[in-house]
Amino acid sequence: MSEEGSPVIEEVHGESGGIPHAFLDQFKGKGHDNMLRLGQDIKAQGVDEAVARAATDAIRLDVMTMQTLYGAAHSHGGAHSH
């Protein structure tokens, strides 16, 4: 969890699917505030682009799902600042 209480990615496991740690490690510490766009926020790191895109899309969907489930109280407005 981040300081604001919204979920962030702590670890991604996918090496059993042939995806190297160097690619997966890019997701650590990112959350719903990160767009997770391949080629911008995320680099392919030698992973086949189709695989990298599929993994990025799946992880982005997971982050959005976590935010919906756990982040209902989190808002970008309000009294607190970053």
PDB file of N, CA and C in Angstrom:
ATOM      1  N   MET A   1       0.838  -1.188   0.000  1.00  0.00           N
ATOM      2  CA  MET A   1       0.000   0.000   0.000  1.00  0.00           C
ATOM      3  C   MET A   1       0.880   1.247   0.000  1.00  0.00           C
ATOM      4  N   SER A   2       0.447   2.260  -0.672  1.00  0.00           N
ATOM      5  CA  SER A   2       1.172   3.522  -0.659  1.00  0.00           C
ATOM      6  C   SER A   2       0.752   4.320   0.560  1.00  0.00           C
ATOM      7  N   GLU A   3       1.386   5.464   0.749  1.00  0.00           N
ATOM      8  CA  GLU A   3       1.087   6.279   1.923  1.00  0.00           C
ATOM      9  C   GLU A   3      -0.380   6.715   1.946  1.00  0.00           C
ATOM     10  N   GLU A   4      -0.954   6.908   0.759  1.00  0.00           N
ATOM     11  CA  GLU A   4      -2.339   7.365   0.710  1.00  0.00           C
ATOM     12  C   GLU A   4      -3.334   6.225   0.913  1.00  0.00           C
ATOM     13  N   GLY A   5      -2.833   5.008   1.009  1.00  0.00           N
ATOM     14  CA  GLY A   5      -3.723   3.880   1.220  1.00  0.00           C
ATOM     15  C   GLY A   5      -4.217   3.246  -0.062  1.00  0.00           C
ATOM     16  N   SER A   6      -3.776   3.750  -1.210  1.00  0.00           N
ATOM     17  CA  SER A   6      -4.189   3.108  -2.452  1.00  0.00           C
ATOM     18  C   SER A   6      -3.173   2.032  -2.800  1.00  0.00           C
ATOM     19  N   PRO A   7      -3.638   0.935  -3.371  1.00  0.00           N
ATOM     20  CA  PRO A   7      -2.728  -0.183  -3.626  1.00  0.00           C
ATOM     21  C   PRO A   7      -1.687   0.137  -4.683  1.00  0.00           C
ATOM     22  N   VAL A   8      -0.492  -0.339  -4.457  1.00  0.00           N
ATOM     23  CA  VAL A   8       0.568  -0.264  -5.458  1.00  0.00           C
ATOM     24  C   VAL A   8       1.133  -1.660  -5.641  1.00  0.00           C
ATOM     25  N   ILE A   9       1.778  -1.877  -6.742  1.00  0.00           N
ATOM     26  CA  ILE A   9       2.361  -3.180  -7.034  1.00  0.00           C
ATOM     27  C   ILE A   9       3.629  -3.349  -6.217  1.00  0.00           C
ATOM     28  N   GLU A  10       3.695  -4.413  -5.443  1.00  0.00           N
ATOM     29  CA  GLU A  10       4.897  -4.687  -4.668  1.00  0.00           C
ATOM     30  C   GLU A  10       5.790  -5.675  -5.386  1.00  0.00           C
ATOM     31  N   GLU A  11       5.192  -6.622  -6.063  1.00  0.00           N
ATOM     32  CA  GLU A  11       5.968  -7.629  -6.766  1.00  0.00           C
ATOM     33  C   GLU A  11       5.108  -8.233  -7.854  1.00  0.00           C
ATOM     34  N   VAL A  12       5.737  -8.579  -8.963  1.00  0.00           N
ATOM     35  CA  VAL A  12       5.031  -9.222 -10.055  1.00  0.00           C
ATOM     36  C   VAL A  12       5.738 -10.537 -10.338  1.00  0.00           C
ATOM     37  N   HIS A  13       4.962 -11.603 -10.391  1.00  0.00           N
ATOM     38  CA  HIS A  13       5.535 -12.915 -10.685  1.00  0.00           C
ATOM     39  C   HIS A  13       5.070 -13.347 -12.065  1.00  0.00           C
ATOM     40  N   GLY A  14       5.992 -13.628 -12.959  1.00  0.00           N
ATOM     41  CA  GLY A  14       5.622 -14.088 -14.283  1.00  0.00           C
ATOM     42  C   GLY A  14       6.776 -14.813 -14.932  1.00  0.00           C
ATOM     43  N   GLU A  15       7.862 -14.954 -14.158  1.00  0.00           N
ATOM     44  CA  GLU A  15       9.052 -15.581 -14.733  1.00  0.00           C
ATOM     45  C   GLU A  15       8.783 -17.023 -15.159  1.00  0.00           C
ATOM     46  N   SER A  16       7.804 -17.682 -14.521  1.00  0.00           N
ATOM     47  CA  SER A  16       7.473 -19.051 -14.929  1.00  0.00           C
ATOM     48  C   SER A  16       6.869 -19.070 -16.326  1.00  0.00           C
ATOM     49  N   GLY A  17       6.325 -17.923 -16.768  1.00  0.00           N
ATOM     50  CA  GLY A  17       5.782 -17.822 -18.116  1.00  0.00           C
ATOM     51  C   GLY A  17       6.812 -17.337 -19.120  1.00  0.00           C
ATOM     52  N   GLY A  18       8.072 -17.289 -18.705  1.00  0.00           N
ATOM     53  CA  GLY A  18       9.127 -16.890 -19.612  1.00  0.00           C
ATOM     54  C   GLY A  18       9.344 -15.392 -19.678  1.00  0.00           C
ATOM     55  N   ILE A  19       8.743 -14.641 -18.754  1.00  0.00           N
ATOM     56  CA  ILE A  19       8.919 -13.192 -18.745  1.00  0.00           C
ATOM     57  C   ILE A  19      10.035 -12.857 -17.753  1.00  0.00           C
ATOM     58  N   PRO A  20      11.103 -12.204 -18.201  1.00  0.00           N
ATOM     59  CA  PRO A  20      12.244 -11.965 -17.320  1.00  0.00           C
ATOM     60  C   PRO A  20      11.968 -10.952 -16.217  1.00  0.00           C
ATOM     61  N   HIS A  21      12.710 -11.100 -15.123  1.00  0.00           N
ATOM     62  CA  HIS A  21      12.594 -10.183 -13.978  1.00  0.00           C
ATOM     63  C   HIS A  21      12.808  -8.739 -14.384  1.00  0.00           C
ATOM     64  N   ALA A  22      13.727  -8.484 -15.318  1.00  0.00           N
ATOM     65  CA  ALA A  22      14.030  -7.104 -15.715  1.00  0.00           C
ATOM     66  C   ALA A  22      12.786  -6.389 -16.234  1.00  0.00           C
ATOM     67  N   PHE A  23      11.930  -7.135 -16.913  1.00  0.00           N
ATOM     68  CA  PHE A  23      10.681  -6.552 -17.408  1.00  0.00           C
ATOM     69  C   PHE A  23       9.695  -6.364 -16.257  1.00  0.00           C
ATOM     70  N   LEU A  24       9.512  -7.396 -15.462  1.00  0.00           N
ATOM     71  CA  LEU A  24       8.514  -7.363 -14.383  1.00  0.00           C
ATOM     72  C   LEU A  24       8.859  -6.348 -13.303  1.00  0.00           C
ATOM     73  N   ASP A  25      10.157  -6.161 -13.050  1.00  0.00           N
ATOM     74  CA  ASP A  25      10.574  -5.241 -11.991  1.00  0.00           C
ATOM     75  C   ASP A  25      10.158  -3.803 -12.272  1.00  0.00           C
ATOM     76  N   GLN A  26       9.887  -3.479 -13.523  1.00  0.00           N
ATOM     77  CA  GLN A  26       9.466  -2.114 -13.854  1.00  0.00           C
ATOM     78  C   GLN A  26       8.126  -1.749 -13.221  1.00  0.00           C
ATOM     79  N   PHE A  27       7.342  -2.752 -12.867  1.00  0.00           N
ATOM     80  CA  PHE A  27       6.004  -2.491 -12.339  1.00  0.00           C
ATOM     81  C   PHE A  27       6.012  -2.219 -10.836  1.00  0.00           C
ATOM     82  N   LYS A  28       7.105  -2.558 -10.159  1.00  0.00           N
ATOM     83  CA  LYS A  28       7.149  -2.402  -8.704  1.00  0.00           C
ATOM     84  C   LYS A  28       6.954  -0.935  -8.320  1.00  0.00           C
ATOM     85  N   GLY A  29       6.117  -0.728  -7.328  1.00  0.00           N
ATOM     86  CA  GLY A  29       5.887   0.613  -6.813  1.00  0.00           C
ATOM     87  C   GLY A  29       4.908   1.432  -7.637  1.00  0.00           C
ATOM     88  N   LYS A  30       4.434   0.886  -8.725  1.00  0.00           N
ATOM     89  CA  LYS A  30       3.476   1.620  -9.540  1.00  0.00           C
ATOM     90  C   LYS A  30       2.052   1.273  -9.095  1.00  0.00           C
ATOM     91  N   GLY A  31       1.158   2.164  -9.375  1.00  0.00           N
ATOM     92  CA  GLY A  31      -0.227   1.944  -8.992  1.00  0.00           C
ATOM     93  C   GLY A  31      -1.147   2.609  -9.992  1.00  0.00           C
ATOM     94  N   HIS A  32      -2.341   2.938  -9.546  1.00  0.00           N
ATOM     95  CA  HIS A  32      -3.348   3.458 -10.464  1.00  0.00           C
ATOM     96  C   HIS A  32      -2.994   4.833 -11.007  1.00  0.00           C
ATOM     97  N   ASP A  33      -2.067   5.545 -10.371  1.00  0.00           N
ATOM     98  CA  ASP A  33      -1.666   6.856 -10.882  1.00  0.00           C
ATOM     99  C   ASP A  33      -0.727   6.731 -12.079  1.00  0.00           C
ATOM    100  N   ASN A  34      -0.199   5.543 -12.316  1.00  0.00           N
ATOM    101  CA  ASN A  34       0.697   5.303 -13.441  1.00  0.00           C
ATOM    102  C   ASN A  34      -0.112   4.694 -14.574  1.00  0.00           C
ATOM    103  N   MET A  35       0.044   5.224 -15.762  1.00  0.00           N
ATOM    104  CA  MET A  35      -0.747   4.734 -16.893  1.00  0.00           C
ATOM    105  C   MET A  35      -0.282   3.370 -17.388  1.00  0.00           C
ATOM    106  N   LEU A  36       0.968   3.008 -17.093  1.00  0.00           N
ATOM    107  CA  LEU A  36       1.504   1.709 -17.494  1.00  0.00           C
ATOM    108  C   LEU A  36       1.355   1.481 -19.001  1.00  0.00           C
ATOM    109  N   ARG A  37       1.873   2.421 -19.769  1.00  0.00           N
ATOM    110  CA  ARG A  37       1.828   2.289 -21.222  1.00  0.00           C
ATOM    111  C   ARG A  37       3.138   1.712 -21.712  1.00  0.00           C
ATOM    112  N   LEU A  38       3.043   0.654 -22.487  1.00  0.00           N
ATOM    113  CA  LEU A  38       4.226   0.035 -23.065  1.00  0.00           C
ATOM    114  C   LEU A  38       4.882   1.026 -24.020  1.00  0.00           C
ATOM    115  N   GLY A  39       6.195   1.176 -23.877  1.00  0.00           N
ATOM    116  CA  GLY A  39       6.931   2.098 -24.721  1.00  0.00           C
ATOM    117  C   GLY A  39       7.087   3.463 -24.086  1.00  0.00           C
ATOM    118  N   GLN A  40       6.310   3.748 -23.050  1.00  0.00           N
ATOM    119  CA  GLN A  40       6.428   5.016 -22.339  1.00  0.00           C
ATOM    120  C   GLN A  40       6.795   4.741 -20.885  1.00  0.00           C
ATOM    121  N   ASP A  41       5.838   4.260 -20.099  1.00  0.00           N
ATOM    122  CA  ASP A  41       6.116   3.947 -18.695  1.00  0.00           C
ATOM    123  C   ASP A  41       6.873   2.629 -18.574  1.00  0.00           C
ATOM    124  N   ILE A  42       6.612   1.721 -19.477  1.00  0.00           N
ATOM    125  CA  ILE A  42       7.164   0.370 -19.429  1.00  0.00           C
ATOM    126  C   ILE A  42       7.950   0.121 -20.713  1.00  0.00           C
ATOM    127  N   LYS A  43       9.136  -0.420 -20.582  1.00  0.00           N
ATOM    128  CA  LYS A  43       9.964  -0.768 -21.743  1.00  0.00           C
ATOM    129  C   LYS A  43       9.930  -2.279 -21.942  1.00  0.00           C
ATOM    130  N   ALA A  44      10.017  -2.714 -23.186  1.00  0.00           N
ATOM    131  CA  ALA A  44       9.926  -4.149 -23.493  1.00  0.00           C
ATOM    132  C   ALA A  44      11.097  -4.936 -22.893  1.00  0.00           C
ATOM    133  N   GLN A  45      12.265  -4.301 -22.692  1.00  0.00           N
ATOM    134  CA  GLN A  45      13.417  -4.950 -22.042  1.00  0.00           C
ATOM    135  C   GLN A  45      13.773  -6.281 -22.692  1.00  0.00           C
ATOM    136  N   GLY A  46      13.691  -6.354 -24.021  1.00  0.00           N
ATOM    137  CA  GLY A  46      14.066  -7.584 -24.696  1.00  0.00           C
ATOM    138  C   GLY A  46      12.973  -8.634 -24.756  1.00  0.00           C
ATOM    139  N   VAL A  47      11.833  -8.354 -24.135  1.00  0.00           N
ATOM    140  CA  VAL A  47      10.701  -9.275 -24.193  1.00  0.00           C
ATOM    141  C   VAL A  47      10.001  -9.063 -25.537  1.00  0.00           C
ATOM    142  N   ASP A  48       9.499 -10.117 -26.138  1.00  0.00           N
ATOM    143  CA  ASP A  48       8.731 -10.002 -27.367  1.00  0.00           C
ATOM    144  C   ASP A  48       7.615  -8.980 -27.169  1.00  0.00           C
ATOM    145  N   GLU A  49       7.457  -8.076 -28.132  1.00  0.00           N
ATOM    146  CA  GLU A  49       6.518  -6.968 -27.936  1.00  0.00           C
ATOM    147  C   GLU A  49       5.090  -7.428 -27.670  1.00  0.00           C
ATOM    148  N   ALA A  50       4.654  -8.478 -28.355  1.00  0.00           N
ATOM    149  CA  ALA A  50       3.292  -8.978 -28.130  1.00  0.00           C
ATOM    150  C   ALA A  50       3.133  -9.493 -26.695  1.00  0.00           C
ATOM    151  N   VAL A  51       4.148 -10.186 -26.193  1.00  0.00           N
ATOM    152  CA  VAL A  51       4.126 -10.689 -24.819  1.00  0.00           C
ATOM    153  C   VAL A  51       4.161  -9.515 -23.844  1.00  0.00           C
ATOM    154  N   ALA A  52       5.045  -8.559 -24.125  1.00  0.00           N
ATOM    155  CA  ALA A  52       5.167  -7.391 -23.249  1.00  0.00           C
ATOM    156  C   ALA A  52       3.852  -6.624 -23.193  1.00  0.00           C
ATOM    157  N   ARG A  53       3.205  -6.467 -24.344  1.00  0.00           N
ATOM    158  CA  ARG A  53       1.935  -5.730 -24.379  1.00  0.00           C
ATOM    159  C   ARG A  53       0.853  -6.496 -23.617  1.00  0.00           C
ATOM    160  N   ALA A  54       0.783  -7.804 -23.808  1.00  0.00           N
ATOM    161  CA  ALA A  54      -0.226  -8.609 -23.112  1.00  0.00           C
ATOM    162  C   ALA A  54      -0.018  -8.555 -21.597  1.00  0.00           C
ATOM    163  N   ALA A  55       1.248  -8.654 -21.174  1.00  0.00           N
ATOM    164  CA  ALA A  55       1.549  -8.606 -19.741  1.00  0.00           C
ATOM    165  C   ALA A  55       1.216  -7.238 -19.171  1.00  0.00           C
ATOM    166  N   THR A  56       1.582  -6.188 -19.899  1.00  0.00           N
ATOM    167  CA  THR A  56       1.303  -4.826 -19.439  1.00  0.00           C
ATOM    168  C   THR A  56      -0.198  -4.601 -19.325  1.00  0.00           C
ATOM    169  N   ASP A  57      -0.957  -5.050 -20.321  1.00  0.00           N
ATOM    170  CA  ASP A  57      -2.408  -4.887 -20.277  1.00  0.00           C
ATOM    171  C   ASP A  57      -3.020  -5.645 -19.108  1.00  0.00           C
ATOM    172  N   ALA A  58      -2.523  -6.855 -18.859  1.00  0.00           N
ATOM    173  CA  ALA A  58      -3.052  -7.666 -17.761  1.00  0.00           C
ATOM    174  C   ALA A  58      -2.755  -7.014 -16.414  1.00  0.00           C
ATOM    175  N   ILE A  59      -1.539  -6.499 -16.269  1.00  0.00           N
ATOM    176  CA  ILE A  59      -1.158  -5.864 -15.003  1.00  0.00           C
ATOM    177  C   ILE A  59      -1.940  -4.565 -14.820  1.00  0.00           C
ATOM    178  N   ARG A  60      -2.120  -3.794 -15.890  1.00  0.00           N
ATOM    179  CA  ARG A  60      -2.907  -2.554 -15.797  1.00  0.00           C
ATOM    180  C   ARG A  60      -4.325  -2.876 -15.351  1.00  0.00           C
ATOM    181  N   LEU A  61      -4.919  -3.942 -15.913  1.00  0.00           N
ATOM    182  CA  LEU A  61      -6.271  -4.343 -15.531  1.00  0.00           C
ATOM    183  C   LEU A  61      -6.317  -4.729 -14.050  1.00  0.00           C
ATOM    184  N   ASP A  62      -5.299  -5.457 -13.588  1.00  0.00           N
ATOM    185  CA  ASP A  62      -5.227  -5.823 -12.168  1.00  0.00           C
ATOM    186  C   ASP A  62      -5.162  -4.586 -11.281  1.00  0.00           C
ATOM    187  N   VAL A  63      -4.363  -3.616 -11.679  1.00  0.00           N
ATOM    188  CA  VAL A  63      -4.220  -2.387 -10.885  1.00  0.00           C
ATOM    189  C   VAL A  63      -5.552  -1.647 -10.834  1.00  0.00           C
ATOM    190  N   MET A  64      -6.245  -1.567 -11.980  1.00  0.00           N
ATOM    191  CA  MET A  64      -7.531  -0.874 -11.996  1.00  0.00           C
ATOM    192  C   MET A  64      -8.552  -1.625 -11.149  1.00  0.00           C
ATOM    193  N   THR A  65      -8.502  -2.951 -11.171  1.00  0.00           N
ATOM    194  CA  THR A  65      -9.412  -3.752 -10.358  1.00  0.00           C
ATOM    195  C   THR A  65      -9.119  -3.540  -8.875  1.00  0.00           C
ATOM    196  N   MET A  66      -7.824  -3.550  -8.505  1.00  0.00           N
ATOM    197  CA  MET A  66      -7.451  -3.293  -7.100  1.00  0.00           C
ATOM    198  C   MET A  66      -7.957  -1.923  -6.664  1.00  0.00           C
ATOM    199  N   GLN A  67      -7.793  -0.935  -7.531  1.00  0.00           N
ATOM    200  CA  GLN A  67      -8.215   0.415  -7.188  1.00  0.00           C
ATOM    201  C   GLN A  67      -9.715   0.467  -6.966  1.00  0.00           C
ATOM    202  N   THR A  68     -10.474  -0.241  -7.806  1.00  0.00           N
ATOM    203  CA  THR A  68     -11.925  -0.255  -7.658  1.00  0.00           C
ATOM    204  C   THR A  68     -12.321  -0.926  -6.348  1.00  0.00           C
ATOM    205  N   LEU A  69     -11.641  -2.039  -6.022  1.00  0.00           N
ATOM    206  CA  LEU A  69     -12.005  -2.789  -4.819  1.00  0.00           C
ATOM    207  C   LEU A  69     -11.546  -2.110  -3.537  1.00  0.00           C
ATOM    208  N   TYR A  70     -10.315  -1.597  -3.550  1.00  0.00           N
ATOM    209  CA  TYR A  70      -9.726  -1.102  -2.308  1.00  0.00           C
ATOM    210  C   TYR A  70      -9.661   0.406  -2.228  1.00  0.00           C
ATOM    211  N   GLY A  71      -9.873   1.073  -3.346  1.00  0.00           N
ATOM    212  CA  GLY A  71      -9.606   2.499  -3.364  1.00  0.00           C
ATOM    213  C   GLY A  71     -10.831   3.373  -3.386  1.00  0.00           C
ATOM    214  N   ALA A  72     -11.971   2.837  -3.001  1.00  0.00           N
ATOM    215  CA  ALA A  72     -13.196   3.629  -3.063  1.00  0.00           C
ATOM    216  C   ALA A  72     -13.080   4.908  -2.236  1.00  0.00           C
ATOM    217  N   ALA A  73     -12.339   4.853  -1.142  1.00  0.00           N
ATOM    218  CA  ALA A  73     -12.210   6.024  -0.282  1.00  0.00           C
ATOM    219  C   ALA A  73     -11.143   6.993  -0.787  1.00  0.00           C
ATOM    220  N   HIS A  74     -10.318   6.549  -1.717  1.00  0.00           N
ATOM    221  CA  HIS A  74      -9.230   7.384  -2.224  1.00  0.00           C
ATOM    222  C   HIS A  74      -9.755   8.309  -3.306  1.00  0.00           C
ATOM    223  N   SER A  75      -9.417   9.580  -3.203  1.00  0.00           N
ATOM    224  CA  SER A  75      -9.774  10.500  -4.266  1.00  0.00           C
ATOM    225  C   SER A  75      -8.569  11.362  -4.588  1.00  0.00           C
ATOM    226  N   HIS A  76      -8.582  11.947  -5.763  1.00  0.00           N
ATOM    227  CA  HIS A  76      -7.455  12.790  -6.164  1.00  0.00           C
ATOM    228  C   HIS A  76      -7.646  14.221  -5.710  1.00  0.00           C
ATOM    229  N   GLY A  77      -8.827  14.568  -5.295  1.00  0.00           N
ATOM    230  CA  GLY A  77      -9.083  15.913  -4.784  1.00  0.00           C
ATOM    231  C   GLY A  77      -9.012  15.880  -3.271  1.00  0.00           C
ATOM    232  N   GLY A  78      -9.657  16.847  -2.641  1.00  0.00           N
ATOM    233  CA  GLY A  78      -9.779  16.787  -1.192  1.00  0.00           C
ATOM    234  C   GLY A  78      -8.688  17.515  -0.459  1.00  0.00           C
ATOM    235  N   ALA A  79      -8.574  17.225   0.824  1.00  0.00           N
ATOM    236  CA  ALA A  79      -7.749  18.022   1.721  1.00  0.00           C
ATOM    237  C   ALA A  79      -6.275  17.652   1.719  1.00  0.00           C
ATOM    238  N   HIS A  80      -5.943  16.427   1.335  1.00  0.00           N
ATOM    239  CA  HIS A  80      -4.533  16.040   1.422  1.00  0.00           C
ATOM    240  C   HIS A  80      -3.796  16.374   0.137  1.00  0.00           C
ATOM    241  N   SER A  81      -2.516  16.620   0.283  1.00  0.00           N
ATOM    242  CA  SER A  81      -1.698  16.901  -0.902  1.00  0.00           C
ATOM    243  C   SER A  81      -0.553  15.909  -0.923  1.00  0.00           C
ATOM    244  N   HIS A  82       0.062  15.761  -2.082  1.00  0.00           N
ATOM    245  CA  HIS A  82       1.167  14.816  -2.247  1.00  0.00           C
ATOM    246  C   HIS A  82       2.467  15.448  -1.825  1.00  0.00           C
TER     247      HIS A  82
END
